[in-house]
Amino acid sequence: MIKRIFNNFILIAFITLISCIILFLGILYSYFGSQMTDQLENQAVYIAQGLTNEGVSYFDDLKNTDTRITWINSEGTVLYDNKADAENMENHADREEVTEALEKGKGTASRYSSTLSEETIYYAQKMDDGTVIRVSDTRYTIWILIWGMMQPIFIILIIVIVLSAVFAYGMSKRIVKPINEIDLENPAYNEIYEELSPLLTKINNLNKEISMRISDAEKKQNEFTMITENMREGLIVTNSQMNILSYNTSALKFFNVHKGIRNKSILILNRSETFRKAVHLARKGQYSDQILVLNDQYYQIITNPVYNNEEVTGIVMVILDVTEKEKRDILRREFTSNVSHELKTPLTGIYGTSEIIMNGMVNAENIPKFAKNIYDESGRLITLIDDIIKLSQLDENSIPEEKELIDLYEISENVIALLKNEARLRNVSVEIIGKHAEIMGNSRILEEMIYNLCDNAIKYNKENGKVTVSVTQEDEKLKLSVSDTGIGISPDHKDRVFERFYRVDKSRSKEIGGTGLGLSIVKHAAAYHDAVIALESTVDIGTSITVFWETKRAGSIH
């Protein structure tokens, strides 16, 4: 701004100076032209008077004067000229000044010579005898005068420009200084040029409006951040180049990213085919819903395009942790498949045996054998269906709240009595140790839990093996433990033995029977009673499964 003001000042000073010089010279030129005309008029009057008084001899004293004198009769013939031979001069009747003098008594004219760059001024005076005395003189044109004064004019011009530059620079700084010192944060409190008051008022109003909008934007941003940061779901927003504009902490956790990812490509989070497909579809303007498996976790990747004037300007990605749901679905599918298989096996046996009997292909003496086969398979089928119903009830928490004080020691004794014959057939000894303890619970479910623990301990034991059931209290915890000296469970299977239909040794499980739901029922029964299960096992040494209760929840101990 200082430069612009400075240049304008210099330009104005230059134009003003040139204009003044031209006007000054023009005025002087006009003034001196008038003076010369007056002088010529006076000379013409004197000459006319001298000629009247002295006659033609009066011209003898005027031959050496600088002024040209011409005497012309009324027909325009030159009678005398002090600068040229009158006889050789042409008729002057058509000359402007002569014509005007003959008509009006006096006349003036000026003629310019482009060859000599001179201007000649003529004055003509009519005498009493009808003749005309004409005097004339020359002067240089204004441009010749200017050219002759070029050097002093140039010096004056330089001096004026230098002085103008100094004053213009100082004036520019003084003019701009108050503007540079304006407090734009509080423009209403500035004392400055009156012409800037409307501008400062507008700036002040704009500042207020901008402050309000920034405040609203910050409020909305804070609300958005608070909402997104408290979301369990991951949220990522990108621009059209797929560079990340916004994200929340959950998104970083899902992808195990700890550094800032703003303005970086979204593909740095994951480059799997599933993730790239979700991004690609959204970028093309299509909704996408993909399942991404990452570190044994399942994530639902939902992407939506963001439009502006029908053009995709970015995408919004929402990441949901659906691990539990997906694993439940997997378990459900496995459960359905296993149930179908487990139900089909006894039904196939029953169907085949009954078909043989129906077709009369069995001798009378073999009918009891085939009937026993049908009986055993039906019993297996009933047991399986019964276990499925129990597990379904525990899953859906549809068992009525019929809790009462139950003695764990006593109910364990009853279970051992029920399994006495099976233990004897497998040559396994069963004992119970500890003391009586009562808890609030459902007797049918607790009995089923203990029965399955003891039944597994007997079935998967060794010849001459031992099963120990103990009811104890340690560190304010009530424990029911079933230990055996059986085949044990390898570390690879410990985490899965409580899954439905999971068997460590399928060939042995088929040999000894069972539905594969026993330990799954135990797990759900313990959860129903707010208990925790712990498993310890060593291959070929034995297994111990313990159910823990907090004593405050379990009830009293006798």
Protein backbone atom coordinates (compact mmCIF):
# COMPACT_ATOMS: atom_id res chain seq x y z
CA MET A 1 0.00 0.00 0.00
CA ILE A 2 2.89 2.37 0.81
CA LYS A 3 4.38 1.70 -2.61
CA ARG A 4 1.08 2.44 -4.35
CA ILE A 5 0.56 5.69 -2.46
CA PHE A 6 4.19 6.67 -3.09
CA ASN A 7 3.87 6.00 -6.84
CA ASN A 8 0.64 7.99 -7.00
CA PHE A 9 2.23 10.93 -5.20
CA ILE A 10 5.20 10.91 -7.59
CA LEU A 11 2.89 10.64 -10.60
CA ILE A 12 0.72 13.51 -9.37
CA ALA A 13 3.79 15.65 -8.66
CA PHE A 14 5.22 14.93 -12.11
CA ILE A 15 1.95 15.67 -13.93
CA THR A 16 1.44 18.83 -11.87
CA LEU A 17 4.95 20.06 -12.59
CA ILE A 18 4.70 19.44 -16.34
CA SER A 19 1.26 21.06 -16.42
CA CYS A 20 2.52 24.10 -14.52
CA ILE A 21 5.50 24.52 -16.84
CA ILE A 22 3.30 24.27 -19.94
CA LEU A 23 0.68 26.64 -18.52
CA PHE A 24 3.32 29.06 -17.31
CA LEU A 25 5.07 29.14 -20.65
CA GLY A 26 1.74 29.44 -22.47
CA ILE A 27 0.67 32.39 -20.32
CA LEU A 28 4.04 34.10 -20.76
CA TYR A 29 3.97 33.46 -24.48
CA SER A 30 0.48 34.94 -24.75
CA TYR A 31 1.43 37.88 -22.52
CA PHE A 32 4.54 38.77 -24.48
CA GLY A 33 2.58 38.35 -27.73
CA SER A 34 0.10 41.00 -26.53
CA GLN A 35 2.97 43.24 -25.49
CA MET A 36 4.55 42.91 -28.92
CA THR A 37 1.24 43.78 -30.62
CA ASP A 38 0.93 46.89 -28.45
CA GLN A 39 4.47 47.90 -29.27
CA LEU A 40 3.83 47.42 -33.00
CA GLU A 41 0.68 49.54 -32.72
CA ASN A 42 2.59 52.35 -31.00
CA GLN A 43 5.32 52.18 -33.64
CA ALA A 44 2.73 52.29 -36.44
CA VAL A 45 1.11 55.42 -34.91
CA TYR A 46 4.49 57.16 -34.55
CA ILE A 47 5.52 56.26 -38.11
CA ALA A 48 2.18 57.45 -39.51
CA GLN A 49 2.58 60.75 -37.65
CA GLY A 50 6.20 61.15 -38.83
CA LEU A 51 5.25 60.34 -42.41
CA THR A 52 2.46 62.91 -42.32
CA ASN A 53 4.77 65.57 -40.90
CA GLU A 54 8.02 64.86 -42.80
CA GLY A 55 6.92 62.96 -45.88
CA VAL A 56 8.81 60.07 -47.50
CA SER A 57 12.09 61.33 -46.14
CA TYR A 58 11.02 60.15 -42.75
CA PHE A 59 11.75 56.57 -43.84
CA ASP A 60 15.44 57.33 -44.21
CA ASP A 61 15.95 57.18 -40.49
CA LEU A 62 14.08 53.83 -40.22
CA LYS A 63 16.12 51.68 -42.58
CA ASN A 64 18.23 50.09 -39.84
CA THR A 65 15.48 49.33 -37.33
CA ASP A 66 14.73 45.68 -36.39
CA THR A 67 11.06 46.17 -37.08
CA ARG A 68 9.97 45.71 -40.66
CA ILE A 69 8.04 48.71 -42.06
CA THR A 70 5.90 48.52 -45.17
CA TRP A 71 3.88 51.35 -46.82
CA ILE A 72 0.99 50.23 -48.99
CA ASN A 73 -1.49 52.28 -51.04
CA SER A 74 -5.21 51.65 -51.08
CA GLU A 75 -4.88 49.28 -54.13
CA GLY A 76 -2.38 47.07 -52.28
CA THR A 77 0.71 48.21 -54.11
CA VAL A 78 3.80 48.36 -51.89
CA LEU A 79 5.16 51.90 -51.90
CA TYR A 80 8.03 51.34 -49.45
CA ASP A 81 9.62 48.51 -47.46
CA ASN A 82 12.71 48.90 -45.30
CA LYS A 83 13.73 45.22 -45.69
CA ALA A 84 13.04 44.60 -49.38
CA ASP A 85 12.79 46.30 -52.76
CA ALA A 86 9.23 47.65 -53.01
CA GLU A 87 9.12 47.39 -56.79
CA ASN A 88 9.67 43.64 -56.71
CA MET A 89 7.11 42.93 -53.99
CA GLU A 90 3.72 41.48 -54.85
CA ASN A 91 0.41 43.20 -54.27
CA HIS A 92 -0.68 43.17 -50.60
CA ALA A 93 -4.33 43.94 -51.07
CA ASP A 94 -5.29 40.36 -50.05
CA ARG A 95 -3.30 40.40 -46.83
CA GLU A 96 -5.52 39.98 -43.81
CA GLU A 97 -4.15 42.86 -41.78
CA VAL A 98 -4.19 45.21 -44.79
CA THR A 99 -7.76 44.35 -45.71
CA GLU A 100 -8.85 44.83 -42.09
CA ALA A 101 -7.02 48.21 -41.84
CA LEU A 102 -8.63 49.52 -45.02
CA GLU A 103 -12.02 48.56 -43.71
CA LYS A 104 -11.70 49.37 -39.99
CA GLY A 105 -8.75 51.72 -39.79
CA LYS A 106 -6.40 49.17 -38.26
CA GLY A 107 -5.79 45.44 -38.50
CA THR A 108 -3.62 42.68 -36.98
CA ALA A 109 -2.53 39.25 -38.14
CA SER A 110 0.09 36.61 -37.41
CA ARG A 111 1.63 34.06 -39.76
CA TYR A 112 3.69 30.98 -38.87
CA SER A 113 6.73 29.82 -40.78
CA SER A 114 7.25 26.05 -40.37
CA THR A 115 10.61 26.34 -42.12
CA LEU A 116 12.03 28.87 -39.68
CA SER A 117 9.88 27.77 -36.72
CA GLU A 118 9.01 31.47 -36.32
CA GLU A 119 5.81 33.44 -35.95
CA THR A 120 5.46 36.92 -37.55
CA ILE A 121 3.03 39.45 -36.03
CA TYR A 122 1.65 42.21 -38.29
CA TYR A 123 -0.04 45.46 -37.38
CA ALA A 124 -1.52 47.76 -40.04
CA GLN A 125 -2.66 51.39 -39.52
CA LYS A 126 -4.70 53.35 -42.12
CA MET A 127 -3.53 56.90 -42.69
CA ASP A 128 -5.64 59.93 -43.50
CA ASP A 129 -4.66 59.77 -47.17
CA GLY A 130 -5.97 56.21 -47.51
CA THR A 131 -2.57 54.49 -47.50
CA VAL A 132 -1.62 51.85 -44.94
CA ILE A 133 1.45 51.70 -42.71
CA ARG A 134 2.25 48.12 -41.71
CA VAL A 135 4.83 47.14 -39.09
CA SER A 136 5.80 43.58 -38.23
CA ASP A 137 8.18 41.63 -36.04
CA THR A 138 9.02 37.93 -35.49
CA ARG A 139 9.24 35.74 -32.43
CA TYR A 140 10.06 32.07 -31.79
CA THR A 141 7.21 29.56 -31.23
CA ILE A 142 6.47 28.25 -27.75
CA TRP A 143 8.04 24.87 -28.59
CA ILE A 144 11.28 26.53 -29.61
CA LEU A 145 11.21 28.44 -26.35
CA ILE A 146 10.59 25.23 -24.41
CA TRP A 147 13.42 23.49 -26.26
CA GLY A 148 15.73 26.31 -25.41
CA MET A 149 14.77 26.10 -21.75
CA MET A 150 15.04 22.31 -21.66
CA GLN A 151 18.15 22.20 -19.49
CA PRO A 152 16.83 24.37 -16.65
CA ILE A 153 13.44 22.68 -16.95
CA PHE A 154 15.11 19.26 -16.69
CA ILE A 155 17.10 20.35 -13.61
CA ILE A 156 13.97 21.75 -12.00
CA LEU A 157 12.12 18.52 -12.87
CA ILE A 158 14.77 16.34 -11.19
CA ILE A 159 14.83 18.54 -8.08
CA VAL A 160 11.06 18.52 -7.84
CA ILE A 161 10.87 14.74 -8.35
CA VAL A 162 13.50 14.09 -5.66
CA LEU A 163 11.76 16.41 -3.22
CA SER A 164 8.41 14.85 -4.15
CA ALA A 165 9.82 11.37 -3.57
CA VAL A 166 11.09 12.31 -0.12
CA PHE A 167 7.88 13.98 0.91
CA ALA A 168 5.74 11.30 -0.78
CA TYR A 169 7.54 8.49 1.07
CA GLY A 170 7.14 10.22 4.41
CA MET A 171 3.53 11.10 3.71
CA SER A 172 2.79 7.54 2.56
CA LYS A 173 4.16 6.10 5.78
CA ARG A 174 2.19 8.59 7.86
CA ILE A 175 -0.98 7.76 5.94
CA VAL A 176 -0.52 4.00 6.17
CA LYS A 177 0.74 3.86 9.76
CA PRO A 178 -2.69 4.31 11.43
CA ILE A 179 -4.13 1.69 9.07
CA ASN A 180 -1.38 -0.80 9.95
CA GLU A 181 -1.99 -0.16 13.63
CA ILE A 182 -5.71 -0.99 13.41
CA ASP A 183 -6.74 -3.58 16.00
CA LEU A 184 -8.82 -5.88 13.79
CA GLU A 185 -9.88 -7.91 16.83
CA ASN A 186 -11.61 -4.80 18.20
CA PRO A 187 -12.12 -2.52 15.17
CA ALA A 188 -14.85 -0.46 16.87
CA TYR A 189 -12.31 0.97 19.34
CA ASN A 190 -9.90 2.35 16.73
CA GLU A 191 -9.61 6.12 16.24
CA ILE A 192 -8.67 6.52 12.60
CA TYR A 193 -9.76 8.21 9.42
CA GLU A 194 -13.42 9.03 9.31
CA GLU A 195 -13.68 7.49 5.83
CA LEU A 196 -12.72 4.09 7.27
CA SER A 197 -15.43 4.09 9.94
CA PRO A 198 -18.00 2.23 7.76
CA LEU A 199 -15.37 -0.37 6.89
CA LEU A 200 -14.35 -0.85 10.53
CA THR A 201 -18.01 -1.17 11.51
CA LYS A 202 -18.48 -3.90 8.92
CA ILE A 203 -15.31 -5.66 10.10
CA ASN A 204 -16.54 -5.47 13.68
CA ASN A 205 -19.89 -6.99 12.68
CA LEU A 206 -18.14 -9.66 10.64
CA ASN A 207 -15.86 -10.46 13.60
CA LYS A 208 -18.88 -10.96 15.81
CA GLU A 209 -20.57 -13.17 13.24
CA ILE A 210 -17.38 -15.18 12.64
CA SER A 211 -16.87 -15.59 16.41
CA MET A 212 -20.42 -16.86 16.77
CA ARG A 213 -19.99 -19.30 13.89
CA ILE A 214 -16.62 -20.48 15.20
CA SER A 215 -18.16 -20.96 18.64
CA ASP A 216 -21.05 -22.92 17.15
CA ALA A 217 -18.63 -24.97 15.03
CA GLU A 218 -16.43 -25.71 18.05
CA LYS A 219 -19.49 -26.66 20.07
CA LYS A 220 -20.69 -29.00 17.35
CA GLN A 221 -17.17 -30.37 16.91
CA ASN A 222 -16.88 -31.01 20.65
CA GLU A 223 -20.29 -32.68 20.67
CA PHE A 224 -19.30 -34.78 17.67
CA THR A 225 -15.97 -35.69 19.27
CA MET A 226 -17.63 -36.56 22.58
CA ILE A 227 -20.16 -38.77 20.82
CA THR A 228 -17.64 -40.51 18.56
CA GLU A 229 -15.04 -40.98 21.30
CA ASN A 230 -17.64 -42.70 23.48
CA MET A 231 -18.73 -44.99 20.68
CA ARG A 232 -17.74 -48.62 20.88
CA GLU A 233 -17.97 -48.64 17.11
CA GLY A 234 -15.07 -47.35 15.04
CA LEU A 235 -15.69 -44.30 12.83
CA ILE A 236 -13.53 -43.04 9.95
CA VAL A 237 -14.27 -40.19 7.52
CA THR A 238 -12.17 -39.65 4.37
CA ASN A 239 -12.04 -37.21 1.46
CA SER A 240 -12.34 -38.09 -2.23
CA GLN A 241 -8.66 -39.14 -2.34
CA MET A 242 -9.37 -41.60 0.51
CA ASN A 243 -7.20 -39.61 2.91
CA ILE A 244 -8.46 -39.75 6.50
CA LEU A 245 -10.11 -36.54 7.73
CA SER A 246 -11.55 -37.75 11.03
CA TYR A 247 -11.56 -40.85 13.21
CA ASN A 248 -12.23 -42.00 16.76
CA THR A 249 -10.18 -43.97 19.28
CA SER A 250 -12.18 -47.17 18.77
CA ALA A 251 -11.12 -47.30 15.11
CA LEU A 252 -7.44 -47.09 16.14
CA LYS A 253 -7.92 -49.88 18.69
CA PHE A 254 -9.60 -52.18 16.18
CA PHE A 255 -6.68 -51.87 13.77
CA ASN A 256 -4.05 -51.73 16.54
CA VAL A 257 -2.80 -48.32 15.39
CA HIS A 258 -1.27 -45.96 17.95
CA LYS A 259 -0.02 -43.04 15.84
CA GLY A 260 -1.98 -40.23 14.23
CA ILE A 261 -3.44 -41.20 10.88
CA ARG A 262 -5.04 -37.89 9.86
CA ASN A 263 -4.45 -36.95 6.19
CA LYS A 264 -3.02 -40.40 5.47
CA SER A 265 -4.51 -43.00 3.15
CA ILE A 266 -7.17 -45.18 4.75
CA LEU A 267 -5.43 -48.23 3.28
CA ILE A 268 -2.59 -47.89 5.81
CA LEU A 269 -5.03 -49.39 8.34
CA ASN A 270 -5.52 -52.64 6.44
CA ARG A 271 -4.72 -53.86 2.96
CA SER A 272 -6.73 -57.08 2.93
CA GLU A 273 -8.95 -57.81 -0.06
CA THR A 274 -12.10 -57.41 2.06
CA PHE A 275 -11.08 -53.97 3.35
CA ARG A 276 -9.97 -52.75 -0.07
CA LYS A 277 -13.24 -53.97 -1.59
CA ALA A 278 -15.27 -52.02 0.99
CA VAL A 279 -13.29 -48.83 0.24
CA HIS A 280 -13.44 -49.36 -3.52
CA LEU A 281 -17.23 -49.86 -3.59
CA ALA A 282 -17.84 -46.76 -1.46
CA ARG A 283 -15.53 -44.73 -3.68
CA LYS A 284 -17.64 -45.82 -6.66
CA GLY A 285 -20.74 -44.59 -4.84
CA GLN A 286 -22.01 -47.96 -3.58
CA TYR A 287 -23.02 -49.01 -0.08
CA SER A 288 -20.89 -51.85 1.27
CA ASP A 289 -21.19 -54.27 4.18
CA GLN A 290 -18.23 -56.62 4.65
CA ILE A 291 -16.97 -58.94 7.38
CA LEU A 292 -13.25 -58.55 8.11
CA VAL A 293 -11.38 -61.19 10.11
CA LEU A 294 -8.49 -59.62 11.98
CA ASN A 295 -6.44 -61.24 14.76
CA ASP A 296 -9.12 -63.91 15.32
CA GLN A 297 -11.71 -61.13 15.70
CA TYR A 298 -14.63 -60.45 13.41
CA TYR A 299 -15.39 -56.86 12.33
CA GLN A 300 -18.31 -55.63 10.28
CA ILE A 301 -17.08 -52.94 7.88
CA ILE A 302 -19.93 -50.66 6.72
CA THR A 303 -19.01 -47.97 4.17
CA ASN A 304 -21.22 -45.25 2.73
CA PRO A 305 -20.27 -42.72 0.03
CA VAL A 306 -20.57 -38.98 0.77
CA TYR A 307 -22.10 -36.96 -2.06
CA ASN A 308 -21.84 -33.29 -3.00
CA ASN A 309 -23.76 -32.26 -6.13
CA GLU A 310 -24.01 -35.90 -7.18
CA GLU A 311 -20.23 -36.31 -6.91
CA VAL A 312 -18.56 -38.62 -4.38
CA THR A 313 -16.44 -36.37 -2.16
CA GLY A 314 -15.52 -38.95 0.47
CA ILE A 315 -16.68 -41.96 2.45
CA VAL A 316 -17.87 -42.71 5.97
CA MET A 317 -16.75 -46.03 7.43
CA VAL A 318 -18.25 -47.62 10.54
CA ILE A 319 -16.49 -50.61 12.12
CA LEU A 320 -18.46 -52.91 14.44
CA ASP A 321 -16.94 -55.65 16.57
CA VAL A 322 -19.23 -58.60 15.79
CA THR A 323 -16.88 -61.27 17.11
CA GLU A 324 -19.34 -62.55 19.68
CA LYS A 325 -22.21 -62.64 17.19
CA GLU A 326 -20.12 -64.32 14.50
CA LYS A 327 -18.77 -66.90 16.92
CA ARG A 328 -22.30 -67.55 18.16
CA ASP A 329 -23.37 -68.03 14.57
CA ILE A 330 -20.46 -70.39 14.00
CA LEU A 331 -21.34 -72.31 17.16
CA ARG A 332 -24.97 -72.37 16.13
CA ARG A 333 -24.08 -73.75 12.73
CA GLU A 334 -21.74 -76.30 14.28
CA PHE A 335 -24.37 -77.15 16.88
CA THR A 336 -27.01 -77.62 14.19
CA SER A 337 -24.65 -79.77 12.15
CA ASN A 338 -23.62 -81.82 15.18
CA VAL A 339 -27.20 -82.24 16.40
CA SER A 340 -28.24 -83.40 12.95
CA HIS A 341 -25.40 -85.88 12.88
CA GLU A 342 -25.93 -87.11 16.45
CA LEU A 343 -29.67 -87.53 15.91
CA LYS A 344 -29.23 -89.22 12.58
CA THR A 345 -26.88 -91.91 13.93
CA PRO A 346 -29.32 -93.58 16.42
CA LEU A 347 -32.29 -92.95 14.13
CA THR A 348 -30.46 -94.70 11.29
CA GLY A 349 -29.83 -97.70 13.56
CA ILE A 350 -33.43 -97.80 14.74
CA TYR A 351 -34.72 -97.40 11.17
CA GLY A 352 -32.46 -100.14 9.78
CA THR A 353 -33.21 -102.64 12.55
CA SER A 354 -36.96 -102.07 12.40
CA GLU A 355 -36.87 -102.44 8.58
CA ILE A 356 -35.16 -105.82 8.90
CA ILE A 357 -37.72 -106.99 11.44
CA MET A 358 -40.60 -105.61 9.34
CA ASN A 359 -39.43 -107.52 6.27
CA GLY A 360 -39.29 -110.80 8.25
CA MET A 361 -35.57 -111.17 7.74
CA VAL A 362 -34.92 -111.97 11.44
CA ASN A 363 -35.27 -115.34 13.08
CA ALA A 364 -37.42 -115.58 16.17
CA GLU A 365 -34.44 -116.27 18.39
CA ASN A 366 -32.68 -113.08 17.17
CA ILE A 367 -35.61 -110.74 17.74
CA PRO A 368 -34.61 -109.94 21.38
CA LYS A 369 -31.14 -108.98 20.16
CA PHE A 370 -32.55 -106.61 17.51
CA ALA A 371 -35.11 -105.27 20.00
CA LYS A 372 -32.27 -104.49 22.44
CA ASN A 373 -30.49 -102.62 19.66
CA ILE A 374 -33.61 -100.54 19.07
CA TYR A 375 -33.93 -99.99 22.82
CA ASP A 376 -30.31 -98.87 23.22
CA GLU A 377 -30.44 -96.52 20.26
CA SER A 378 -33.76 -95.06 21.43
CA GLY A 379 -32.29 -94.52 24.90
CA ARG A 380 -29.29 -92.79 23.36
CA LEU A 381 -31.64 -90.63 21.29
CA ILE A 382 -33.75 -89.73 24.33
CA THR A 383 -30.62 -88.86 26.33
CA LEU A 384 -29.35 -86.67 23.51
CA ILE A 385 -32.66 -84.86 23.14
CA ASP A 386 -32.89 -84.44 26.91
CA ASP A 387 -29.38 -82.91 27.03
CA ILE A 388 -30.22 -80.59 24.15
CA ILE A 389 -33.38 -79.43 25.93
CA LYS A 390 -31.43 -78.82 29.16
CA LEU A 391 -28.75 -76.88 27.31
CA SER A 392 -31.37 -74.85 25.44
CA GLN A 393 -33.10 -73.96 28.72
CA LEU A 394 -29.81 -72.87 30.25
CA ASP A 395 -28.95 -70.88 27.09
CA GLU A 396 -32.23 -69.06 27.07
CA ASN A 397 -32.34 -68.72 30.86
CA SER A 398 -35.85 -70.17 30.75
CA ILE A 399 -35.50 -72.29 33.91
CA PRO A 400 -37.87 -71.07 36.63
CA GLU A 401 -36.22 -69.40 39.61
CA GLU A 402 -36.85 -72.27 42.00
CA LYS A 403 -33.80 -71.84 44.18
CA GLU A 404 -33.53 -73.26 47.67
CA LEU A 405 -30.88 -74.14 50.22
CA ILE A 406 -29.04 -77.19 48.91
CA ASP A 407 -26.31 -79.22 50.63
CA LEU A 408 -23.54 -79.74 48.07
CA TYR A 409 -22.02 -82.56 50.05
CA GLU A 410 -25.34 -84.40 50.30
CA ILE A 411 -26.27 -83.96 46.63
CA SER A 412 -22.78 -85.18 45.67
CA GLU A 413 -23.36 -88.33 47.72
CA ASN A 414 -26.63 -88.94 45.86
CA VAL A 415 -24.89 -88.58 42.50
CA ILE A 416 -22.14 -91.01 43.54
CA ALA A 417 -24.82 -93.54 44.54
CA LEU A 418 -26.43 -93.23 41.09
CA LEU A 419 -23.08 -93.89 39.36
CA LYS A 420 -22.00 -96.69 41.69
CA ASN A 421 -22.82 -99.49 39.26
CA GLU A 422 -21.16 -97.76 36.30
CA ALA A 423 -18.02 -97.17 38.39
CA ARG A 424 -17.98 -100.79 39.45
CA LEU A 425 -18.33 -101.97 35.82
CA ARG A 426 -15.32 -99.81 34.85
CA ASN A 427 -13.39 -100.83 37.99
CA VAL A 428 -13.13 -97.22 39.19
CA SER A 429 -13.41 -96.21 42.85
CA VAL A 430 -15.33 -93.07 43.83
CA GLU A 431 -15.07 -91.22 47.14
CA ILE A 432 -16.24 -87.92 48.62
CA ILE A 433 -14.30 -85.78 51.08
CA GLY A 434 -14.83 -82.42 52.76
CA LYS A 435 -17.74 -81.12 54.79
CA HIS A 436 -21.39 -80.21 54.38
CA ALA A 437 -22.10 -76.82 52.80
CA GLU A 438 -25.38 -75.27 51.78
CA ILE A 439 -25.92 -72.86 48.88
CA MET A 440 -28.95 -71.28 47.26
CA GLY A 441 -29.57 -73.06 43.98
CA ASN A 442 -31.68 -75.26 41.75
CA SER A 443 -31.32 -78.85 42.91
CA ARG A 444 -32.10 -80.38 39.49
CA ILE A 445 -29.48 -78.28 37.71
CA LEU A 446 -26.83 -78.76 40.41
CA GLU A 447 -27.42 -82.50 40.38
CA GLU A 448 -27.08 -82.56 36.59
CA MET A 449 -23.84 -80.56 36.83
CA ILE A 450 -22.27 -82.85 39.43
CA TYR A 451 -23.54 -85.94 37.62
CA ASN A 452 -21.88 -84.89 34.33
CA LEU A 453 -18.60 -84.10 36.10
CA CYS A 454 -18.54 -87.46 37.88
CA ASP A 455 -19.77 -89.40 34.81
CA ASN A 456 -16.93 -87.96 32.68
CA ALA A 457 -14.40 -88.68 35.46
CA ILE A 458 -15.50 -92.36 35.48
CA LYS A 459 -15.77 -92.80 31.70
CA TYR A 460 -12.39 -91.28 30.91
CA ASN A 461 -10.55 -92.98 33.78
CA LYS A 462 -8.08 -95.83 33.68
CA GLU A 463 -8.41 -99.38 34.91
CA ASN A 464 -8.35 -99.36 38.75
CA GLY A 465 -8.62 -95.59 38.59
CA LYS A 466 -10.00 -93.27 41.22
CA VAL A 467 -12.47 -90.37 41.34
CA THR A 468 -12.49 -87.92 44.26
CA VAL A 469 -15.31 -85.45 44.92
CA SER A 470 -14.49 -82.75 47.47
CA VAL A 471 -16.53 -79.95 49.04
CA THR A 472 -14.28 -77.40 50.79
CA GLN A 473 -13.88 -73.76 51.67
CA GLU A 474 -10.65 -71.82 50.99
CA ASP A 475 -10.00 -68.08 51.06
CA GLU A 476 -13.66 -67.20 51.41
CA LYS A 477 -14.50 -69.39 48.43
CA LEU A 478 -16.63 -72.49 48.36
CA LYS A 479 -15.23 -75.19 46.09
CA LEU A 480 -16.74 -78.29 44.55
CA SER A 481 -13.99 -80.30 42.92
CA VAL A 482 -14.11 -83.56 40.91
CA SER A 483 -10.69 -85.12 40.29
CA ASP A 484 -9.75 -88.33 38.47
CA THR A 485 -6.67 -90.38 37.65
CA GLY A 486 -7.67 -90.80 34.01
CA ILE A 487 -6.21 -90.16 30.61
CA GLY A 488 -6.03 -86.37 31.06
CA ILE A 489 -6.45 -83.60 28.49
CA SER A 490 -3.66 -82.15 26.37
CA PRO A 491 -3.08 -78.33 26.46
CA ASP A 492 -4.33 -78.06 22.86
CA HIS A 493 -7.82 -79.18 23.91
CA LYS A 494 -8.24 -77.50 27.32
CA ASP A 495 -9.86 -74.37 25.92
CA ARG A 496 -12.41 -76.30 23.86
CA VAL A 497 -13.63 -79.14 26.07
CA PHE A 498 -16.58 -77.03 27.25
CA GLU A 499 -17.80 -76.50 23.67
CA ARG A 500 -20.88 -78.38 22.54
CA PHE A 501 -20.22 -81.79 20.93
CA TYR A 502 -16.48 -81.30 21.27
CA ARG A 503 -14.62 -84.54 21.93
CA VAL A 504 -10.90 -84.88 22.59
CA ASP A 505 -10.79 -88.50 21.36
CA LYS A 506 -13.74 -89.18 19.07
CA SER A 507 -13.01 -92.88 18.74
CA ARG A 508 -12.91 -93.36 22.53
CA SER A 509 -16.00 -91.18 22.98
CA LYS A 510 -17.97 -93.32 20.56
CA GLU A 511 -16.80 -96.44 22.38
CA ILE A 512 -17.85 -95.26 25.84
CA GLY A 513 -20.97 -93.40 24.69
CA GLY A 514 -22.10 -89.90 25.63
CA THR A 515 -23.57 -86.99 23.72
CA GLY A 516 -20.64 -84.55 23.87
CA LEU A 517 -22.80 -82.02 25.72
CA GLY A 518 -21.89 -82.93 29.31
CA LEU A 519 -19.22 -80.31 30.01
CA SER A 520 -21.17 -77.67 28.05
CA ILE A 521 -24.10 -78.27 30.42
CA VAL A 522 -21.67 -78.01 33.35
CA LYS A 523 -20.43 -74.64 32.11
CA HIS A 524 -23.94 -73.22 31.70
CA ALA A 525 -25.10 -74.69 35.02
CA ALA A 526 -22.17 -73.01 36.81
CA ALA A 527 -22.94 -69.69 35.12
CA TYR A 528 -26.58 -70.06 36.16
CA HIS A 529 -25.40 -70.29 39.81
CA ASP A 530 -22.86 -67.40 39.50
CA ALA A 531 -19.96 -69.82 39.78
CA VAL A 532 -16.58 -70.00 38.02
CA ILE A 533 -15.02 -73.15 36.54
CA ALA A 534 -11.31 -73.99 36.61
CA LEU A 535 -9.73 -76.97 34.83
CA GLU A 536 -6.37 -78.57 35.54
CA SER A 537 -5.21 -81.60 33.61
CA THR A 538 -2.10 -83.53 32.75
CA VAL A 539 -1.99 -86.21 30.06
CA ASP A 540 -1.92 -89.78 31.52
CA ILE A 541 -2.05 -88.41 35.08
CA GLY A 542 -5.57 -87.06 35.45
CA THR A 543 -7.98 -84.16 35.40
CA SER A 544 -9.45 -81.91 38.08
CA ILE A 545 -12.44 -79.64 37.43
CA THR A 546 -13.34 -77.19 40.20
CA VAL A 547 -16.43 -75.02 40.56
CA PHE A 548 -15.94 -71.89 42.74
CA TRP A 549 -18.57 -69.84 44.59
CA GLU A 550 -18.10 -66.65 46.54
CA THR A 551 -19.08 -67.52 50.14
CA LYS A 552 -21.26 -64.39 50.38
CA ARG A 553 -23.31 -65.67 47.48
CA ALA A 554 -23.10 -69.39 48.25
CA GLY A 555 -24.84 -69.29 51.62
CA SER A 556 -23.82 -70.87 54.92
CA ILE A 557 -21.36 -73.69 55.59
CA HIS A 558 -21.91 -76.26 58.34
